[in-house]
Each structure stands twice: as structure tokens, then as C-alpha cells.
Amino acid sequence: MLGERLYAKESVQKWIKSALDDQITKILVKNGNLTRTQVETLLIDFLAENIAEKRIKMGEKARLRLTKAEISRGAFNRTLKQARKNVIQSIYTVLLLGYLGIFDGTRLDPYIEISNRLQAYVDAYKNILPDKNRAEENLRVIKRLRDELERSLELSSREKVFSEP
């Protein structure tokens, strides 16, 4: 039983580390409204709520954090609360900008395009990898999509969207 828990913890942490070390994730975190720790905490909470077969207590979730130091249940809860608040505030900010006419359709177009590219990348990654017969070609397609996406994200973080007429 203990061995299974240790293996599960290690595999969850490995997946979270992989997700956080992903170049696209790094760009999004760098330019987003969540800290790396908040993203990690949200991932743990999401995995625990949506993948686990039984309810996982906050103390167990806290132990899934990647840090070597022990994280208290309270610290985990505070970080999770901050992350959720930041997500909600980000959504309301986008809604406010749309409502006030600052974020009209033409100014949103580059972000909608990036969002569509992100979805295409995720879909390709999910659907292409299982096809063993075309693995090499599929990996090239995924790499090209990824490179284009990274360039788009880097460019969009430098654009002065609000200063354009």
C-alpha cells in the first residue's frame, strides 16, 4: 500500500514537473497572472479532483508539491485560494475590457488565433502520438506546431495591443 502511494506521488510529481518545464507553459506563466507555484497548486488540485478515484485530503495534496520542504495544509490552501482568485479576476478583466470597448474584435483576433493554435497543438498531441506507424512524421508535425505556437506567444507578449488605433 505504501509503495503504491509513493509510486503514485512520484508519477504525479513527474507529470507536474514535465508540465511546468514545458516551454509553452513557461511562456504562458511568464506573461500570465499566476505564479509557477499557483499553477502547480491548481494542477495538483485539478488532478486530485478529476483523476483520483477517492477524495484526496488537503494535507495529501500539499505533499504532492514539488518542493523539497514540507508544505503545510494551510499554506497549500492559501496558495490555492490565491490562484483561484487570480483566475477569476483575469476572466473579469477580459470581460470588463470587452464591455468598455477596449478589447474589441480586431484587438482580440491575435489572441483568438493563438487560442486556436493552442487547441490544435493539444489535439495533435493527443491524436498523433498513439499512431506508431507514423511516429517520426507525427513528431515533426508536433514540433512544427509547437515552434509556431512558441513564436506566436512570444510575439503577442511584446505587442502593444492597447496602443494600436
Protein backbone atom coordinates (compact mmCIF):
# COMPACT_ATOMS: atom_id res chain seq x y z
CA MET A 1 0.00 0.00 0.00
CA LEU A 2 2.76 2.45 0.96
CA GLY A 3 4.73 1.51 -2.15
CA GLU A 4 1.71 2.23 -4.35
CA ARG A 5 1.21 5.65 -2.73
CA LEU A 6 4.89 6.50 -3.17
CA TYR A 7 4.76 5.44 -6.83
CA ALA A 8 1.57 7.45 -7.39
CA LYS A 9 3.12 10.52 -5.75
CA GLU A 10 6.26 10.20 -7.85
CA SER A 11 4.34 9.78 -11.09
CA VAL A 12 2.05 12.75 -10.32
CA GLN A 13 5.07 14.89 -9.45
CA LYS A 14 6.87 13.77 -12.60
CA TRP A 15 3.84 14.77 -14.71
CA ILE A 16 3.53 18.15 -12.95
CA LYS A 17 7.25 18.85 -13.35
CA SER A 18 7.02 17.95 -17.03
CA ALA A 19 4.01 20.27 -17.48
CA LEU A 20 5.75 23.15 -15.67
CA ASP A 21 9.03 22.66 -17.58
CA ASP A 22 7.21 22.72 -20.92
CA GLN A 23 8.34 25.73 -22.95
CA ILE A 24 4.79 26.78 -23.84
CA THR A 25 3.77 26.60 -20.17
CA LYS A 26 6.80 28.71 -19.24
CA ILE A 27 5.83 31.42 -21.76
CA LEU A 28 2.22 31.43 -20.58
CA VAL A 29 3.21 31.60 -16.88
CA LYS A 30 5.79 34.33 -17.56
CA ASN A 31 3.18 36.50 -19.25
CA GLY A 32 0.15 35.40 -17.25
CA ASN A 33 -1.40 36.31 -13.94
CA LEU A 34 -0.44 33.17 -11.99
CA THR A 35 2.86 32.31 -10.36
CA ARG A 36 4.53 28.99 -11.11
CA THR A 37 3.61 27.84 -7.58
CA GLN A 38 -0.03 28.77 -8.13
CA VAL A 39 -0.10 26.85 -11.43
CA GLU A 40 1.48 23.85 -9.71
CA THR A 41 -1.11 24.04 -6.92
CA LEU A 42 -4.00 24.31 -9.39
CA LEU A 43 -2.65 21.29 -11.30
CA ILE A 44 -2.46 19.24 -8.12
CA ASP A 45 -5.98 20.25 -7.12
CA PHE A 46 -7.31 19.52 -10.61
CA LEU A 47 -5.61 16.12 -10.78
CA ALA A 48 -6.82 15.20 -7.31
CA GLU A 49 -10.41 16.19 -8.07
CA ASN A 50 -10.65 14.77 -11.59
CA ILE A 51 -8.39 11.73 -11.72
CA ALA A 52 -8.24 10.26 -8.24
CA GLU A 53 -10.74 7.52 -7.52
CA LYS A 54 -11.26 8.76 -3.99
CA ARG A 55 -11.30 12.18 -2.34
CA ILE A 56 -7.80 13.39 -1.51
CA LYS A 57 -7.35 15.49 1.62
CA MET A 58 -5.59 18.86 1.51
CA GLY A 59 -2.65 17.53 3.52
CA GLU A 60 -2.07 14.83 0.90
CA LYS A 61 -2.36 17.40 -1.88
CA ALA A 62 0.21 19.57 -0.11
CA ARG A 63 2.64 16.63 -0.07
CA LEU A 64 2.38 16.41 -3.86
CA ARG A 65 4.06 19.81 -4.29
CA LEU A 66 7.46 19.62 -5.96
CA THR A 67 9.33 21.50 -3.24
CA LYS A 68 11.68 19.56 -1.01
CA ALA A 69 10.43 21.40 2.06
CA GLU A 70 7.25 20.18 3.71
CA ILE A 71 4.27 22.37 2.80
CA SER A 72 1.53 22.72 5.38
CA ARG A 73 -2.10 22.15 4.54
CA GLY A 74 -2.77 25.81 5.37
CA ALA A 75 -0.04 27.08 3.02
CA PHE A 76 -1.39 24.85 0.25
CA ASN A 77 -4.92 26.17 0.87
CA ARG A 78 -3.74 29.81 0.80
CA THR A 79 -1.88 29.30 -2.47
CA LEU A 80 -4.89 27.51 -3.99
CA LYS A 81 -7.21 30.32 -2.85
CA GLN A 82 -4.87 32.96 -4.35
CA ALA A 83 -4.64 31.04 -7.64
CA ARG A 84 -8.42 30.67 -7.92
CA LYS A 85 -8.88 34.36 -7.12
CA ASN A 86 -6.35 35.34 -9.81
CA VAL A 87 -8.10 33.16 -12.39
CA ILE A 88 -11.48 34.72 -11.61
CA GLN A 89 -10.01 38.23 -11.66
CA SER A 90 -8.38 37.54 -15.04
CA ILE A 91 -11.70 36.46 -16.51
CA TYR A 92 -13.44 39.53 -15.11
CA THR A 93 -10.68 41.76 -16.50
CA VAL A 94 -11.21 40.39 -20.01
CA LEU A 95 -14.98 40.83 -19.61
CA LEU A 96 -14.50 44.42 -18.40
CA LEU A 97 -12.23 45.30 -21.32
CA GLY A 98 -14.80 43.90 -23.74
CA TYR A 99 -17.65 45.71 -22.02
CA LEU A 100 -15.82 49.04 -22.15
CA GLY A 101 -14.92 48.53 -25.81
CA ILE A 102 -11.17 48.48 -25.14
CA PHE A 103 -10.89 44.88 -26.30
CA ASP A 104 -12.90 44.93 -29.50
CA GLY A 105 -12.90 42.12 -32.04
CA THR A 106 -9.88 43.29 -34.01
CA ARG A 107 -7.71 43.59 -30.93
CA LEU A 108 -8.77 40.16 -29.73
CA ASP A 109 -8.11 38.46 -33.08
CA PRO A 110 -4.40 37.69 -32.43
CA TYR A 111 -5.28 36.07 -29.10
CA ILE A 112 -8.15 34.08 -30.58
CA GLU A 113 -5.77 32.83 -33.26
CA ILE A 114 -3.24 31.80 -30.61
CA SER A 115 -6.00 30.09 -28.65
CA ASN A 116 -6.97 28.14 -31.78
CA ARG A 117 -3.31 27.18 -32.34
CA LEU A 118 -3.05 26.03 -28.74
CA GLN A 119 -6.11 23.84 -29.21
CA ALA A 120 -4.74 22.44 -32.49
CA TYR A 121 -1.45 21.64 -30.75
CA VAL A 122 -3.19 19.86 -27.87
CA ASP A 123 -5.44 17.92 -30.25
CA ALA A 124 -2.50 16.94 -32.44
CA TYR A 125 -0.51 15.84 -29.42
CA LYS A 126 -3.38 13.68 -28.15
CA ASN A 127 -4.29 12.14 -31.50
CA ILE A 128 -0.96 11.81 -33.28
CA LEU A 129 1.25 10.15 -30.69
CA PRO A 130 -0.67 6.84 -30.45
CA ASP A 131 -0.13 6.20 -34.22
CA LYS A 132 3.08 4.11 -34.08
CA ASN A 133 3.25 3.63 -37.87
CA ARG A 134 3.82 7.34 -38.50
CA ALA A 135 5.60 8.26 -35.27
CA GLU A 136 8.56 10.10 -36.83
CA GLU A 137 6.40 12.17 -39.19
CA ASN A 138 3.92 12.89 -36.40
CA LEU A 139 6.67 14.13 -34.10
CA ARG A 140 7.86 16.52 -36.85
CA VAL A 141 4.31 17.90 -37.21
CA ILE A 142 4.02 18.38 -33.46
CA LYS A 143 7.42 20.09 -33.32
CA ARG A 144 6.45 22.47 -36.15
CA LEU A 145 3.15 23.30 -34.42
CA ARG A 146 4.98 23.83 -31.16
CA ASP A 147 7.60 26.12 -32.73
CA GLU A 148 4.91 28.23 -34.43
CA LEU A 149 2.98 28.44 -31.18
CA GLU A 150 6.02 29.50 -29.17
CA ARG A 151 6.81 32.24 -31.71
CA SER A 152 3.20 33.47 -31.65
CA LEU A 153 3.14 33.55 -27.86
CA GLU A 154 6.44 35.40 -27.61
CA LEU A 155 5.31 37.90 -30.24
CA SER A 156 1.95 38.51 -28.59
CA SER A 157 3.60 39.23 -25.26
CA ARG A 158 5.63 42.02 -26.89
CA GLU A 159 2.86 43.60 -28.96
CA LYS A 160 1.34 46.84 -27.81
CA VAL A 161 -2.26 45.82 -28.36
CA PHE A 162 -3.74 48.68 -26.39
CA SER A 163 -1.81 51.40 -28.22
CA GLU A 164 -2.95 50.39 -31.70
CA PRO A 165 -5.70 52.54 -33.24
